[in-house]
Amino acid sequence: MRLPEEYAKYLGLGAEIAATLIIPIGLGLVVDIFFDTSPYGVLIGAIFGIGIFFTLIFKIAKDFNKKKGQHLEKDD
């Protein structure tokens, strides 16, 4: 059975991943509306959001591998 702390960790991770895409695209949309530059603000926001998303995924994978390695060392 999973503990509520584990659910909170994964929920936070999901929210963080969603925010890396939603915030830059939303800011691009605001720029497009304010400066009437549609669709360039959204496109630039999407590119930045995807870049941040991949950076976050690589960081998560690195942390996961580090924790997995520490777990294996404890079992030895």
N, C-alpha and C. Protein backbone atom coordinates (compact mmCIF):
# COMPACT_ATOMS: atom_id res chain seq x y z
N MET A 1 0.84 -1.19 0.00
CA MET A 1 0.00 0.00 0.00
C MET A 1 0.88 1.25 0.00
N ARG A 2 0.51 2.19 -0.83
CA ARG A 2 1.29 3.41 -0.93
C ARG A 2 0.88 4.39 0.17
N LEU A 3 1.86 5.11 0.64
CA LEU A 3 1.62 6.10 1.66
C LEU A 3 1.18 7.42 1.04
N PRO A 4 0.44 8.24 1.77
CA PRO A 4 0.02 9.54 1.22
C PRO A 4 1.20 10.43 0.83
N GLU A 5 2.35 10.26 1.49
CA GLU A 5 3.53 11.06 1.14
C GLU A 5 3.99 10.73 -0.28
N GLU A 6 3.89 9.46 -0.67
CA GLU A 6 4.27 9.07 -2.03
C GLU A 6 3.33 9.69 -3.04
N TYR A 7 2.03 9.68 -2.74
CA TYR A 7 1.07 10.30 -3.65
C TYR A 7 1.35 11.79 -3.78
N ALA A 8 1.65 12.44 -2.69
CA ALA A 8 1.93 13.87 -2.72
C ALA A 8 3.18 14.16 -3.56
N LYS A 9 4.18 13.30 -3.46
CA LYS A 9 5.40 13.48 -4.24
C LYS A 9 5.09 13.41 -5.73
N TYR A 10 4.32 12.41 -6.13
CA TYR A 10 3.99 12.25 -7.55
C TYR A 10 3.03 13.32 -8.04
N LEU A 11 2.12 13.76 -7.20
CA LEU A 11 1.21 14.83 -7.57
C LEU A 11 1.98 16.13 -7.78
N GLY A 12 2.92 16.40 -6.89
CA GLY A 12 3.77 17.58 -7.03
C GLY A 12 4.61 17.53 -8.29
N LEU A 13 5.12 16.35 -8.61
CA LEU A 13 5.92 16.17 -9.82
C LEU A 13 5.07 16.42 -11.06
N GLY A 14 3.86 15.90 -11.07
CA GLY A 14 2.96 16.12 -12.20
C GLY A 14 2.60 17.58 -12.36
N ALA A 15 2.36 18.27 -11.26
CA ALA A 15 2.04 19.69 -11.32
C ALA A 15 3.24 20.49 -11.83
N GLU A 16 4.43 20.10 -11.42
CA GLU A 16 5.64 20.79 -11.86
C GLU A 16 5.84 20.61 -13.37
N ILE A 17 5.62 19.41 -13.85
CA ILE A 17 5.76 19.16 -15.29
C ILE A 17 4.71 19.94 -16.07
N ALA A 18 3.48 19.95 -15.59
CA ALA A 18 2.42 20.71 -16.27
C ALA A 18 2.73 22.20 -16.29
N ALA A 19 3.25 22.71 -15.19
CA ALA A 19 3.56 24.14 -15.10
C ALA A 19 4.68 24.54 -16.05
N THR A 20 5.63 23.62 -16.30
CA THR A 20 6.72 23.96 -17.22
C THR A 20 6.23 24.19 -18.63
N LEU A 21 5.08 23.65 -18.97
CA LEU A 21 4.51 23.87 -20.30
C LEU A 21 3.46 24.97 -20.31
N ILE A 22 2.63 25.03 -19.28
CA ILE A 22 1.51 25.97 -19.27
C ILE A 22 1.96 27.41 -19.07
N ILE A 23 2.90 27.64 -18.16
CA ILE A 23 3.30 29.02 -17.83
C ILE A 23 3.96 29.72 -19.03
N PRO A 24 4.98 29.13 -19.67
CA PRO A 24 5.58 29.85 -20.82
C PRO A 24 4.60 30.07 -21.98
N ILE A 25 3.75 29.10 -22.24
CA ILE A 25 2.77 29.28 -23.32
C ILE A 25 1.76 30.36 -22.94
N GLY A 26 1.34 30.38 -21.68
CA GLY A 26 0.43 31.43 -21.22
C GLY A 26 1.05 32.80 -21.30
N LEU A 27 2.32 32.91 -20.92
CA LEU A 27 3.00 34.20 -21.04
C LEU A 27 3.13 34.62 -22.50
N GLY A 28 3.39 33.65 -23.37
CA GLY A 28 3.44 33.96 -24.80
C GLY A 28 2.10 34.45 -25.32
N LEU A 29 1.03 33.87 -24.82
CA LEU A 29 -0.31 34.30 -25.22
C LEU A 29 -0.58 35.73 -24.76
N VAL A 30 -0.16 36.05 -23.54
CA VAL A 30 -0.33 37.41 -23.02
C VAL A 30 0.45 38.40 -23.88
N VAL A 31 1.68 38.03 -24.25
CA VAL A 31 2.49 38.89 -25.12
C VAL A 31 1.81 39.07 -26.46
N ASP A 32 1.26 37.99 -27.02
CA ASP A 32 0.56 38.09 -28.30
C ASP A 32 -0.64 39.03 -28.21
N ILE A 33 -1.39 38.94 -27.16
CA ILE A 33 -2.57 39.79 -27.01
C ILE A 33 -2.16 41.25 -26.81
N PHE A 34 -1.14 41.47 -25.97
CA PHE A 34 -0.72 42.83 -25.63
C PHE A 34 -0.07 43.54 -26.82
N PHE A 35 0.81 42.84 -27.54
CA PHE A 35 1.55 43.45 -28.64
C PHE A 35 0.98 43.11 -30.02
N ASP A 36 -0.07 42.32 -30.07
CA ASP A 36 -0.71 41.90 -31.34
C ASP A 36 0.33 41.25 -32.27
N THR A 37 1.04 40.25 -31.73
CA THR A 37 2.10 39.56 -32.49
C THR A 37 1.77 38.10 -32.74
N SER A 38 0.49 37.77 -32.72
CA SER A 38 0.07 36.38 -32.85
C SER A 38 0.64 35.74 -34.11
N PRO A 39 1.10 34.56 -34.09
CA PRO A 39 1.23 33.51 -33.09
C PRO A 39 2.64 33.40 -32.51
N TYR A 40 3.47 34.41 -32.73
CA TYR A 40 4.89 34.29 -32.38
C TYR A 40 5.14 34.16 -30.88
N GLY A 41 4.41 34.85 -30.07
CA GLY A 41 4.59 34.74 -28.61
C GLY A 41 4.29 33.34 -28.11
N VAL A 42 3.21 32.76 -28.60
CA VAL A 42 2.84 31.40 -28.18
C VAL A 42 3.89 30.41 -28.67
N LEU A 43 4.37 30.58 -29.90
CA LEU A 43 5.39 29.67 -30.43
C LEU A 43 6.68 29.75 -29.63
N ILE A 44 7.13 30.96 -29.32
CA ILE A 44 8.35 31.12 -28.53
C ILE A 44 8.12 30.57 -27.13
N GLY A 45 6.95 30.82 -26.55
CA GLY A 45 6.63 30.25 -25.24
C GLY A 45 6.63 28.74 -25.25
N ALA A 46 6.11 28.15 -26.33
CA ALA A 46 6.08 26.69 -26.45
C ALA A 46 7.49 26.13 -26.56
N ILE A 47 8.35 26.80 -27.32
CA ILE A 47 9.74 26.34 -27.45
C ILE A 47 10.45 26.41 -26.11
N PHE A 48 10.28 27.52 -25.39
CA PHE A 48 10.89 27.62 -24.06
C PHE A 48 10.32 26.57 -23.11
N GLY A 49 9.01 26.38 -23.16
CA GLY A 49 8.37 25.40 -22.29
C GLY A 49 8.87 23.99 -22.55
N ILE A 50 9.04 23.63 -23.81
CA ILE A 50 9.55 22.30 -24.15
C ILE A 50 10.99 22.15 -23.70
N GLY A 51 11.78 23.20 -23.86
CA GLY A 51 13.16 23.16 -23.38
C GLY A 51 13.24 22.97 -21.86
N ILE A 52 12.42 23.70 -21.14
CA ILE A 52 12.37 23.56 -19.68
C ILE A 52 11.87 22.17 -19.30
N PHE A 53 10.89 21.66 -20.05
CA PHE A 53 10.33 20.34 -19.80
C PHE A 53 11.42 19.26 -19.92
N PHE A 54 12.19 19.30 -21.00
CA PHE A 54 13.24 18.29 -21.18
C PHE A 54 14.33 18.43 -20.12
N THR A 55 14.67 19.65 -19.74
CA THR A 55 15.64 19.86 -18.67
C THR A 55 15.14 19.23 -17.38
N LEU A 56 13.88 19.43 -17.07
CA LEU A 56 13.28 18.86 -15.86
C LEU A 56 13.27 17.33 -15.92
N ILE A 57 12.93 16.76 -17.07
CA ILE A 57 12.90 15.30 -17.21
C ILE A 57 14.29 14.71 -17.01
N PHE A 58 15.32 15.33 -17.59
CA PHE A 58 16.68 14.83 -17.40
C PHE A 58 17.12 14.94 -15.95
N LYS A 59 16.72 16.02 -15.27
CA LYS A 59 17.06 16.18 -13.85
C LYS A 59 16.37 15.09 -13.02
N ILE A 60 15.12 14.81 -13.31
CA ILE A 60 14.38 13.77 -12.59
C ILE A 60 15.01 12.41 -12.82
N ALA A 61 15.40 12.13 -14.06
CA ALA A 61 16.03 10.84 -14.37
C ALA A 61 17.37 10.71 -13.66
N LYS A 62 18.13 11.79 -13.61
CA LYS A 62 19.43 11.77 -12.92
C LYS A 62 19.24 11.51 -11.43
N ASP A 63 18.28 12.20 -10.81
CA ASP A 63 18.00 12.00 -9.39
C ASP A 63 17.52 10.58 -9.12
N PHE A 64 16.69 10.05 -10.02
CA PHE A 64 16.18 8.69 -9.85
C PHE A 64 17.31 7.68 -9.91
N ASN A 65 18.21 7.84 -10.88
CA ASN A 65 19.34 6.92 -10.99
C ASN A 65 20.27 7.03 -9.80
N LYS A 66 20.44 8.23 -9.27
CA LYS A 66 21.30 8.41 -8.10
C LYS A 66 20.68 7.70 -6.89
N LYS A 67 19.38 7.86 -6.70
CA LYS A 67 18.70 7.20 -5.57
C LYS A 67 18.70 5.69 -5.74
N LYS A 68 18.54 5.22 -6.97
CA LYS A 68 18.56 3.79 -7.23
C LYS A 68 19.94 3.22 -6.93
N GLY A 69 21.01 3.94 -7.28
CA GLY A 69 22.37 3.50 -6.99
C GLY A 69 22.63 3.46 -5.49
N GLN A 70 22.13 4.44 -4.75
CA GLN A 70 22.30 4.44 -3.29
C GLN A 70 21.54 3.28 -2.67
N HIS A 71 20.37 2.97 -3.22
CA HIS A 71 19.58 1.87 -2.70
C HIS A 71 20.30 0.54 -2.91
N LEU A 72 20.94 0.39 -4.06
CA LEU A 72 21.66 -0.85 -4.34
C LEU A 72 22.88 -0.99 -3.44
N GLU A 73 23.55 0.12 -3.12
CA GLU A 73 24.71 0.06 -2.24
C GLU A 73 24.31 -0.34 -0.83
N LYS A 74 23.13 0.08 -0.40
CA LYS A 74 22.67 -0.29 0.95
C LYS A 74 22.38 -1.77 1.04
N ASP A 75 21.94 -2.38 -0.05
CA ASP A 75 21.63 -3.82 -0.03
C ASP A 75 22.86 -4.69 0.01
N ASP A 76 24.01 -4.17 -0.42
CA ASP A 76 25.23 -4.99 -0.46
C ASP A 76 25.77 -5.30 0.91
